[in-house]
């Protein structure tokens, strides 16, 4: 599995953000007694964070493949890949909403690991 430096950094930020969301949820759950039991919340965050890691890999592969394509084909391929990643996120949220083993709030917070990683990458890469 060959990845660019940006993809590796996004993996790390996604994992760190997911761990922070899990820790914050466990602390808030003890204070407000909202996440009892806490495992569905943790599984929700982990599911969508894993989906985000998969989406980073898919984006990395799509960018590498689109560079070698013609401009019209590359644009259509990129749009199709974007749509696939979008539906993958939607499917994860629907599964979290319908499955009692997953907490929807945890899944929604896990989805937020993607934009946090993207914005963090902007600041990390800006310093280098």
N, C-alpha and C. Protein backbone atom coordinates (compact mmCIF):
# COMPACT_ATOMS: atom_id res chain seq x y z
N UNK A 1 0.84 -1.16 0.00
CA UNK A 1 0.00 0.00 0.00
C UNK A 1 0.89 1.23 0.00
N UNK A 2 1.06 1.82 -1.19
CA UNK A 2 1.91 3.00 -1.33
C UNK A 2 1.05 4.26 -1.20
N UNK A 3 1.43 5.12 -0.27
CA UNK A 3 0.67 6.33 -0.01
C UNK A 3 1.56 7.55 -0.11
N UNK A 4 0.95 8.67 -0.45
CA UNK A 4 1.69 9.92 -0.44
C UNK A 4 1.86 10.40 1.00
N UNK A 5 2.72 11.38 1.16
CA UNK A 5 2.95 11.93 2.50
C UNK A 5 1.71 12.60 3.07
N UNK A 6 0.94 13.25 2.18
CA UNK A 6 -0.28 13.91 2.64
C UNK A 6 -1.28 12.89 3.16
N UNK A 7 -1.42 11.75 2.47
CA UNK A 7 -2.37 10.72 2.90
C UNK A 7 -1.95 10.14 4.25
N UNK A 8 -0.66 9.91 4.43
CA UNK A 8 -0.19 9.39 5.71
C UNK A 8 -0.48 10.37 6.85
N UNK A 9 -0.26 11.65 6.58
CA UNK A 9 -0.53 12.66 7.61
C UNK A 9 -2.02 12.74 7.92
N UNK A 10 -2.86 12.60 6.89
CA UNK A 10 -4.31 12.61 7.12
C UNK A 10 -4.72 11.39 7.94
N UNK A 11 -4.11 10.22 7.68
CA UNK A 11 -4.39 9.02 8.48
C UNK A 11 -4.12 9.31 9.96
N UNK A 12 -2.97 9.91 10.23
CA UNK A 12 -2.59 10.17 11.62
C UNK A 12 -3.57 11.15 12.26
N UNK A 13 -3.92 12.22 11.55
CA UNK A 13 -4.83 13.22 12.11
C UNK A 13 -6.22 12.61 12.34
N UNK A 14 -6.69 11.75 11.42
CA UNK A 14 -7.98 11.10 11.60
C UNK A 14 -7.97 10.22 12.84
N UNK A 15 -6.90 9.46 13.03
CA UNK A 15 -6.81 8.58 14.20
C UNK A 15 -6.73 9.37 15.49
N UNK A 16 -5.96 10.45 15.51
CA UNK A 16 -5.83 11.27 16.71
C UNK A 16 -7.16 11.96 17.02
N UNK A 17 -7.83 12.47 15.99
CA UNK A 17 -9.12 13.14 16.20
C UNK A 17 -10.16 12.15 16.69
N UNK A 18 -10.17 10.95 16.13
CA UNK A 18 -11.12 9.92 16.59
C UNK A 18 -10.86 9.58 18.06
N UNK A 19 -9.60 9.45 18.42
CA UNK A 19 -9.28 9.17 19.83
C UNK A 19 -9.72 10.32 20.74
N UNK A 20 -9.57 11.55 20.25
CA UNK A 20 -10.01 12.71 21.05
C UNK A 20 -11.53 12.72 21.20
N UNK A 21 -12.25 12.39 20.11
CA UNK A 21 -13.71 12.34 20.19
C UNK A 21 -14.18 11.23 21.13
N UNK A 22 -13.50 10.09 21.09
CA UNK A 22 -13.87 8.99 21.98
C UNK A 22 -13.62 9.38 23.44
N UNK A 23 -12.47 9.97 23.70
CA UNK A 23 -12.15 10.39 25.06
C UNK A 23 -13.13 11.45 25.56
N UNK A 24 -13.41 12.44 24.71
CA UNK A 24 -14.36 13.49 25.10
C UNK A 24 -15.75 12.91 25.32
N UNK A 25 -16.14 11.97 24.50
CA UNK A 25 -17.46 11.35 24.67
C UNK A 25 -17.55 10.54 25.95
N UNK A 26 -16.48 9.84 26.28
CA UNK A 26 -16.48 9.06 27.52
C UNK A 26 -16.52 9.97 28.74
N UNK A 27 -15.77 11.07 28.69
CA UNK A 27 -15.78 12.02 29.81
C UNK A 27 -17.16 12.67 29.91
N UNK A 28 -17.70 13.12 28.78
CA UNK A 28 -19.02 13.76 28.80
C UNK A 28 -20.10 12.75 29.18
N UNK A 29 -19.93 11.52 28.79
CA UNK A 29 -20.90 10.49 29.13
C UNK A 29 -20.95 10.22 30.62
N UNK A 30 -19.81 10.30 31.26
CA UNK A 30 -19.79 10.10 32.72
C UNK A 30 -20.41 11.29 33.44
N UNK A 31 -20.18 12.48 32.90
CA UNK A 31 -20.71 13.68 33.54
C UNK A 31 -22.22 13.77 33.33
N UNK A 32 -22.67 13.56 32.10
CA UNK A 32 -24.08 13.75 31.78
C UNK A 32 -24.86 12.44 31.71
N UNK A 33 -24.20 11.31 31.88
CA UNK A 33 -24.82 9.98 31.83
C UNK A 33 -25.62 9.77 30.55
N UNK A 34 -25.07 10.27 29.44
CA UNK A 34 -25.77 10.17 28.17
C UNK A 34 -25.40 8.92 27.40
N UNK A 35 -24.16 8.52 27.45
CA UNK A 35 -23.70 7.37 26.67
C UNK A 35 -23.56 6.17 27.60
N UNK A 36 -24.67 5.58 27.96
CA UNK A 36 -24.63 4.43 28.84
C UNK A 36 -25.33 3.28 28.16
N UNK A 37 -24.69 2.27 27.70
CA UNK A 37 -23.27 1.94 27.76
C UNK A 37 -22.47 2.70 26.70
N UNK A 38 -21.18 2.87 26.91
CA UNK A 38 -20.37 3.69 25.99
C UNK A 38 -19.94 2.96 24.72
N UNK A 39 -20.03 1.64 24.66
CA UNK A 39 -19.53 0.92 23.48
C UNK A 39 -20.20 1.31 22.17
N UNK A 40 -21.52 1.50 22.09
CA UNK A 40 -22.10 1.92 20.81
C UNK A 40 -21.55 3.27 20.32
N UNK A 41 -21.30 4.17 21.25
CA UNK A 41 -20.70 5.45 20.88
C UNK A 41 -19.30 5.24 20.30
N UNK A 42 -18.50 4.44 20.98
CA UNK A 42 -17.14 4.17 20.52
C UNK A 42 -17.17 3.48 19.15
N UNK A 43 -18.05 2.50 18.99
CA UNK A 43 -18.15 1.81 17.70
C UNK A 43 -18.59 2.75 16.59
N UNK A 44 -19.48 3.69 16.90
CA UNK A 44 -19.91 4.66 15.90
C UNK A 44 -18.77 5.54 15.43
N UNK A 45 -17.98 6.03 16.37
CA UNK A 45 -16.82 6.86 16.01
C UNK A 45 -15.82 6.04 15.21
N UNK A 46 -15.56 4.81 15.65
CA UNK A 46 -14.58 3.97 14.96
C UNK A 46 -15.04 3.60 13.55
N UNK A 47 -16.33 3.32 13.37
CA UNK A 47 -16.83 2.95 12.05
C UNK A 47 -16.62 4.08 11.05
N UNK A 48 -17.08 5.26 11.38
CA UNK A 48 -16.98 6.35 10.42
C UNK A 48 -15.54 6.86 10.28
N UNK A 49 -14.74 6.72 11.31
CA UNK A 49 -13.32 7.07 11.17
C UNK A 49 -12.62 6.09 10.24
N UNK A 50 -12.96 4.82 10.35
CA UNK A 50 -12.40 3.82 9.42
C UNK A 50 -12.86 4.09 7.99
N UNK A 51 -14.10 4.51 7.83
CA UNK A 51 -14.60 4.88 6.50
C UNK A 51 -13.80 6.07 5.97
N UNK A 52 -13.49 7.03 6.83
CA UNK A 52 -12.71 8.19 6.41
C UNK A 52 -11.29 7.80 6.02
N UNK A 53 -10.70 6.86 6.71
CA UNK A 53 -9.38 6.37 6.33
C UNK A 53 -9.46 5.71 4.95
N UNK A 54 -10.51 4.93 4.71
CA UNK A 54 -10.72 4.32 3.40
C UNK A 54 -10.91 5.39 2.34
N UNK A 55 -11.63 6.46 2.66
CA UNK A 55 -11.86 7.53 1.70
C UNK A 55 -10.56 8.27 1.37
N UNK A 56 -9.68 8.42 2.33
CA UNK A 56 -8.38 9.04 2.06
C UNK A 56 -7.58 8.18 1.09
N UNK A 57 -7.60 6.88 1.30
CA UNK A 57 -6.92 5.95 0.39
C UNK A 57 -7.53 6.03 -1.01
N UNK A 58 -8.87 6.07 -1.08
CA UNK A 58 -9.54 6.16 -2.38
C UNK A 58 -9.20 7.48 -3.07
N UNK A 59 -9.14 8.57 -2.33
CA UNK A 59 -8.81 9.87 -2.90
C UNK A 59 -7.37 9.89 -3.39
N UNK A 60 -6.48 9.30 -2.64
CA UNK A 60 -5.08 9.23 -3.03
C UNK A 60 -4.92 8.44 -4.32
N UNK A 61 -5.60 7.31 -4.41
CA UNK A 61 -5.53 6.49 -5.63
C UNK A 61 -6.18 7.19 -6.82
N UNK A 62 -7.31 7.85 -6.58
CA UNK A 62 -8.01 8.55 -7.66
C UNK A 62 -7.17 9.70 -8.20
N UNK A 63 -6.50 10.43 -7.33
CA UNK A 63 -5.66 11.53 -7.79
C UNK A 63 -4.49 11.02 -8.61
N UNK A 64 -3.90 9.93 -8.17
CA UNK A 64 -2.77 9.35 -8.92
C UNK A 64 -3.21 8.85 -10.28
N UNK A 65 -4.40 8.25 -10.35
CA UNK A 65 -4.90 7.73 -11.62
C UNK A 65 -5.37 8.85 -12.54
N UNK A 66 -5.97 9.90 -11.98
CA UNK A 66 -6.49 11.00 -12.80
C UNK A 66 -5.37 11.80 -13.46
N UNK A 67 -4.20 11.82 -12.85
CA UNK A 67 -3.07 12.55 -13.43
C UNK A 67 -2.68 11.93 -14.78
N UNK A 68 -2.80 10.63 -14.91
CA UNK A 68 -2.39 9.94 -16.13
C UNK A 68 -3.49 9.90 -17.20
N UNK A 69 -4.68 10.39 -16.89
CA UNK A 69 -5.79 10.34 -17.84
C UNK A 69 -5.88 11.64 -18.64
N UNK A 70 -6.69 11.59 -19.71
CA UNK A 70 -6.98 12.80 -20.46
C UNK A 70 -7.89 13.69 -19.63
N UNK A 71 -7.96 14.97 -19.97
CA UNK A 71 -8.67 15.92 -19.12
C UNK A 71 -10.16 15.61 -18.98
N UNK A 72 -10.86 15.28 -20.07
CA UNK A 72 -12.29 14.97 -19.99
C UNK A 72 -12.55 13.71 -19.20
N UNK A 73 -11.77 12.68 -19.44
CA UNK A 73 -11.93 11.43 -18.71
C UNK A 73 -11.55 11.57 -17.25
N UNK A 74 -10.54 12.39 -16.99
CA UNK A 74 -10.10 12.59 -15.61
C UNK A 74 -11.17 13.33 -14.81
N UNK A 75 -11.83 14.29 -15.42
CA UNK A 75 -12.87 15.04 -14.72
C UNK A 75 -14.05 14.13 -14.38
N UNK A 76 -14.46 13.31 -15.34
CA UNK A 76 -15.58 12.39 -15.07
C UNK A 76 -15.20 11.35 -14.03
N UNK A 77 -13.98 10.83 -14.11
CA UNK A 77 -13.51 9.84 -13.15
C UNK A 77 -13.47 10.44 -11.75
N UNK A 78 -12.99 11.67 -11.64
CA UNK A 78 -12.91 12.34 -10.34
C UNK A 78 -14.30 12.58 -9.77
N UNK A 79 -15.26 12.98 -10.62
CA UNK A 79 -16.63 13.18 -10.15
C UNK A 79 -17.24 11.88 -9.66
N UNK A 80 -17.00 10.80 -10.39
CA UNK A 80 -17.53 9.50 -9.99
C UNK A 80 -16.93 9.05 -8.66
N UNK A 81 -15.65 9.26 -8.48
CA UNK A 81 -15.00 8.90 -7.22
C UNK A 81 -15.55 9.74 -6.06
N UNK A 82 -15.80 11.03 -6.32
CA UNK A 82 -16.36 11.89 -5.28
C UNK A 82 -17.75 11.37 -4.88
N UNK A 83 -18.57 11.03 -5.87
CA UNK A 83 -19.91 10.53 -5.60
C UNK A 83 -19.86 9.22 -4.81
N UNK A 84 -18.92 8.35 -5.15
CA UNK A 84 -18.76 7.09 -4.44
C UNK A 84 -18.38 7.32 -2.98
N UNK A 85 -17.46 8.25 -2.73
CA UNK A 85 -17.07 8.56 -1.36
C UNK A 85 -18.23 9.19 -0.59
N UNK A 86 -19.01 10.02 -1.26
CA UNK A 86 -20.18 10.65 -0.64
C UNK A 86 -21.20 9.59 -0.22
N UNK A 87 -21.52 8.65 -1.11
CA UNK A 87 -22.48 7.61 -0.78
C UNK A 87 -21.94 6.64 0.28
N UNK A 88 -20.64 6.45 0.31
CA UNK A 88 -20.03 5.62 1.34
C UNK A 88 -20.26 6.23 2.72
N UNK A 89 -20.11 7.54 2.82
CA UNK A 89 -20.37 8.22 4.09
C UNK A 89 -21.84 8.13 4.46
N UNK A 90 -22.71 8.34 3.48
CA UNK A 90 -24.15 8.23 3.74
C UNK A 90 -24.54 6.85 4.19
N UNK A 91 -23.97 5.82 3.56
CA UNK A 91 -24.28 4.44 3.93
C UNK A 91 -23.83 4.16 5.37
N UNK A 92 -22.67 4.68 5.75
CA UNK A 92 -22.20 4.48 7.12
C UNK A 92 -23.14 5.13 8.13
N UNK A 93 -23.64 6.31 7.81
CA UNK A 93 -24.57 6.98 8.73
C UNK A 93 -25.91 6.26 8.80
N UNK A 94 -26.39 5.74 7.67
CA UNK A 94 -27.65 4.99 7.68
C UNK A 94 -27.50 3.72 8.49
N UNK A 95 -26.38 3.04 8.31
CA UNK A 95 -26.12 1.81 9.08
C UNK A 95 -26.06 2.13 10.57
N UNK A 96 -25.41 3.25 10.92
CA UNK A 96 -25.34 3.64 12.33
C UNK A 96 -26.70 3.98 12.89
N UNK A 97 -27.57 4.56 12.07
CA UNK A 97 -28.90 4.92 12.54
C UNK A 97 -29.79 3.70 12.73
N UNK A 98 -29.59 2.68 11.91
CA UNK A 98 -30.47 1.51 11.95
C UNK A 98 -29.97 0.37 12.82
N UNK A 99 -28.71 0.42 13.21
CA UNK A 99 -28.12 -0.66 13.99
C UNK A 99 -28.04 -0.26 15.46
N UNK A 100 -28.55 -1.09 16.35
CA UNK A 100 -28.50 -0.72 17.77
C UNK A 100 -27.10 -0.82 18.38
N UNK A 101 -26.18 -1.46 17.66
CA UNK A 101 -24.82 -1.60 18.18
C UNK A 101 -24.02 -0.32 17.97
N UNK A 102 -24.51 0.58 17.12
CA UNK A 102 -23.81 1.82 16.81
C UNK A 102 -24.63 3.02 17.27
N UNK A 103 -23.94 4.03 17.76
CA UNK A 103 -24.57 5.26 18.19
C UNK A 103 -24.47 6.27 17.06
N UNK A 104 -25.57 6.89 16.69
CA UNK A 104 -25.59 7.84 15.58
C UNK A 104 -24.77 9.09 15.90
N UNK A 105 -24.80 9.55 17.13
CA UNK A 105 -24.00 10.71 17.51
C UNK A 105 -22.51 10.40 17.36
N UNK A 106 -22.10 9.22 17.78
CA UNK A 106 -20.71 8.82 17.62
C UNK A 106 -20.32 8.73 16.15
N UNK A 107 -21.23 8.21 15.33
CA UNK A 107 -20.95 8.11 13.90
C UNK A 107 -20.86 9.50 13.27
N UNK A 108 -21.73 10.41 13.69
CA UNK A 108 -21.69 11.77 13.15
C UNK A 108 -20.39 12.47 13.55
N UNK A 109 -19.95 12.26 14.77
CA UNK A 109 -18.67 12.85 15.18
C UNK A 109 -17.50 12.21 14.44
N UNK A 110 -17.60 10.92 14.15
CA UNK A 110 -16.56 10.26 13.37
C UNK A 110 -16.47 10.81 11.96
N UNK A 111 -17.59 11.21 11.39
CA UNK A 111 -17.58 11.81 10.06
C UNK A 111 -16.78 13.12 10.08
N UNK A 112 -16.82 13.81 11.20
CA UNK A 112 -16.10 15.09 11.31
C UNK A 112 -14.59 14.93 11.33
N UNK A 113 -14.08 13.71 11.45
CA UNK A 113 -12.62 13.53 11.43
C UNK A 113 -12.05 13.87 10.07
N UNK A 114 -12.84 13.73 9.00
CA UNK A 114 -12.36 14.05 7.65
C UNK A 114 -12.07 15.54 7.50
N UNK A 115 -13.03 16.44 7.76
CA UNK A 115 -12.72 17.86 7.60
C UNK A 115 -11.64 18.36 8.57
N UNK A 116 -11.63 17.79 9.77
CA UNK A 116 -10.57 18.18 10.72
C UNK A 116 -9.21 17.80 10.15
N UNK A 117 -9.10 16.62 9.56
CA UNK A 117 -7.84 16.18 8.96
C UNK A 117 -7.47 17.04 7.76
N UNK A 118 -8.47 17.39 6.94
CA UNK A 118 -8.19 18.20 5.76
C UNK A 118 -7.69 19.59 6.14
N UNK A 119 -8.36 20.23 7.11
CA UNK A 119 -7.93 21.56 7.54
C UNK A 119 -6.59 21.50 8.28
N UNK A 120 -6.38 20.46 9.05
CA UNK A 120 -5.10 20.32 9.74
C UNK A 120 -3.97 20.11 8.75
N UNK A 121 -4.24 19.38 7.68
CA UNK A 121 -3.22 19.14 6.67
C UNK A 121 -2.82 20.46 6.01
N UNK A 122 -3.78 21.36 5.84
CA UNK A 122 -3.47 22.66 5.26
C UNK A 122 -2.46 23.41 6.12
N UNK A 123 -2.65 23.36 7.44
CA UNK A 123 -1.72 24.04 8.33
C UNK A 123 -0.40 23.30 8.46
N UNK A 124 -0.45 21.96 8.45
CA UNK A 124 0.79 21.18 8.55
C UNK A 124 1.64 21.39 7.30
N UNK A 125 1.02 21.32 6.13
CA UNK A 125 1.77 21.46 4.88
C UNK A 125 2.20 22.90 4.66
N UNK A 126 1.48 23.86 5.23
CA UNK A 126 1.86 25.25 5.08
C UNK A 126 3.16 25.57 5.81
N UNK A 127 3.44 24.83 6.86
CA UNK A 127 4.66 25.06 7.63
C UNK A 127 5.87 24.42 6.98
N UNK A 128 5.67 23.43 6.12
CA UNK A 128 6.80 22.72 5.51
C UNK A 128 7.23 23.36 4.22
